[in-house]
C-alpha atoms as a PDB file:
ATOM      1  CA  MET A   1      94.465 118.694 110.016  1.00  0.00           C
ATOM      2  CA  ALA A   2      92.808 115.052 109.369  1.00  0.00           C
ATOM      3  CA  THR A   3      94.451 111.732 108.621  1.00  0.00           C
ATOM      4  CA  TYR A   4      92.634 109.409 106.230  1.00  0.00           C
ATOM      5  CA  THR A   5      93.060 105.458 105.304  1.00  0.00           C
ATOM      6  CA  LEU A   6      92.926 103.933 102.120  1.00  0.00           C
ATOM      7  CA  ASP A   7      93.684 100.229 102.593  1.00  0.00           C
ATOM      8  CA  THR A   8      94.442  98.858  98.559  1.00  0.00           C
ATOM      9  CA  ALA A   9      95.432  95.265 100.078  1.00  0.00           C
ATOM     10  CA  GLY A  10      94.878  92.503  97.758  1.00  0.00           C
ATOM     11  CA  GLU A  11      93.893  94.874  94.139  1.00  0.00           C
ATOM     12  CA  VAL A  12      96.568  94.995  91.600  1.00  0.00           C
ATOM     13  CA  CYS A  13      97.709  98.501  89.832  1.00  0.00           C
ATOM     14  CA  PRO A  14      97.134 100.542  88.695  1.00  0.00           C
ATOM     15  CA  PHE A  15      93.749 100.056  91.527  1.00  0.00           C
ATOM     16  CA  PRO A  16      95.773 101.541  94.326  1.00  0.00           C
ATOM     17  CA  LEU A  17      96.983 104.534  92.337  1.00  0.00           C
ATOM     18  CA  VAL A  18      93.382 104.906  90.472  1.00  0.00           C
ATOM     19  CA  GLU A  19      91.835 105.011  93.877  1.00  0.00           C
ATOM     20  CA  ALA A  20      94.419 107.228  95.868  1.00  0.00           C
ATOM     21  CA  LYS A  21      93.384 110.043  93.162  1.00  0.00           C
ATOM     22  CA  GLN A  22      90.195 109.669  93.569  1.00  0.00           C
ATOM     23  CA  ALA A  23      90.494 109.789  97.714  1.00  0.00           C
ATOM     24  CA  MET A  24      92.993 112.956  97.167  1.00  0.00           C
ATOM     25  CA  VAL A  25      90.769 114.917  95.264  1.00  0.00           C
ATOM     26  CA  GLU A  26      88.084 114.809  98.493  1.00  0.00           C
ATOM     27  CA  LEU A  27      90.646 115.852 100.891  1.00  0.00           C
ATOM     28  CA  ALA A  28      91.064 119.365 102.478  1.00  0.00           C
ATOM     29  CA  SER A  29      94.824 121.076 102.342  1.00  0.00           C
ATOM     30  CA  GLY A  30      97.267 119.936 105.105  1.00  0.00           C
ATOM     31  CA  ASP A  31      95.337 116.485 105.033  1.00  0.00           C
ATOM     32  CA  GLU A  32      97.148 113.247 104.537  1.00  0.00           C
ATOM     33  CA  LEU A  33      96.354 110.030 103.125  1.00  0.00           C
ATOM     34  CA  VAL A  34      97.746 107.012 104.225  1.00  0.00           C
ATOM     35  CA  ILE A  35      97.847 104.454 101.800  1.00  0.00           C
ATOM     36  CA  ASP A  36      98.109 100.755 102.019  1.00  0.00           C
ATOM     37  CA  PHE A  37      98.964  98.769  99.771  1.00  0.00           C
ATOM     38  CA  ASP A  38     100.698  95.869  98.214  1.00  0.00           C
ATOM     39  CA  CYS A  39     101.254  96.320  94.752  1.00  0.00           C
ATOM     40  CA  THR A  40     104.649  96.033  93.846  1.00  0.00           C
ATOM     41  CA  GLN A  41     104.533  98.311  90.988  1.00  0.00           C
ATOM     42  CA  ALA A  42     102.821 100.799  93.028  1.00  0.00           C
ATOM     43  CA  THR A  43     106.068 101.117  95.577  1.00  0.00           C
ATOM     44  CA  GLU A  44     107.066 103.426  92.410  1.00  0.00           C
ATOM     45  CA  ALA A  45     103.841 104.332  90.436  1.00  0.00           C
ATOM     46  CA  ILE A  46     102.544 106.220  94.220  1.00  0.00           C
ATOM     47  CA  PRO A  47     105.770 108.525  94.716  1.00  0.00           C
ATOM     48  CA  ALA A  48     105.953 109.196  90.869  1.00  0.00           C
ATOM     49  CA  TRP A  49     102.928 110.532  91.176  1.00  0.00           C
ATOM     50  CA  ALA A  50     102.594 112.031  94.161  1.00  0.00           C
ATOM     51  CA  ALA A  51     106.095 113.854  93.301  1.00  0.00           C
ATOM     52  CA  GLY A  52     104.019 115.100  89.635  1.00  0.00           C
ATOM     53  CA  GLU A  53     101.096 116.285  91.883  1.00  0.00           C
ATOM     54  CA  GLY A  54     103.163 118.289  94.348  1.00  0.00           C
ATOM     55  CA  TYR A  55     102.476 116.261  97.021  1.00  0.00           C
ATOM     56  CA  PRO A  56     104.807 116.118  99.891  1.00  0.00           C
ATOM     57  CA  VAL A  57     105.721 111.858 101.012  1.00  0.00           C
ATOM     58  CA  THR A  58     105.432 111.857 105.312  1.00  0.00           C
ATOM     59  CA  HIS A  59     105.582 108.617 104.917  1.00  0.00           C
ATOM     60  CA  PHE A  60     106.969 105.286 103.176  1.00  0.00           C
ATOM     61  CA  ASP A  61     107.701 102.135 105.025  1.00  0.00           C
ATOM     62  CA  ARG A  62     107.439  98.424 103.834  1.00  0.00           C
ATOM     63  CA  THR A  63     105.435  96.463 106.410  1.00  0.00           C
ATOM     64  CA  GLY A  64     105.287  93.039 105.493  1.00  0.00           C
ATOM     65  CA  ASP A  65     107.631  90.823 102.563  1.00  0.00           C
ATOM     66  CA  ALA A  66     104.895  92.081 100.424  1.00  0.00           C
ATOM     67  CA  SER A  67     103.167  95.112 101.926  1.00  0.00           C
ATOM     68  CA  TRP A  68     103.840  98.688 102.173  1.00  0.00           C
ATOM     69  CA  THR A  69     102.389 101.945 103.337  1.00  0.00           C
ATOM     70  CA  ILE A  70     102.751 105.490 102.127  1.00  0.00           C
ATOM     71  CA  THR A  71     101.628 108.515 103.755  1.00  0.00           C
ATOM     72  CA  VAL A  72     101.032 111.569 101.073  1.00  0.00           C
ATOM     73  CA  GLN A  73     100.175 115.168 102.268  1.00  0.00           C
ATOM     74  CA  LYS A  74      97.412 117.376 100.042  1.00  0.00           C
ATOM     75  CA  PRO A  75      99.410 120.996 100.520  1.00  0.00           C
END
């Protein structure tokens, strides 16, 4: 199991979600993707996408006034 980080800070929606989708394709089963973002819409879009795809969210936290981190695992 490996952990990868995707920093999308400064990118507007939907790019954090688009990049997360692309990154998950490359991951192996059990790997985790840490997505750092500062797009408010992604606070709903990324968890909704993860739930729809069956990817467990193992961590979700606000890291600043307008920044968040979410960790998604590939089953």
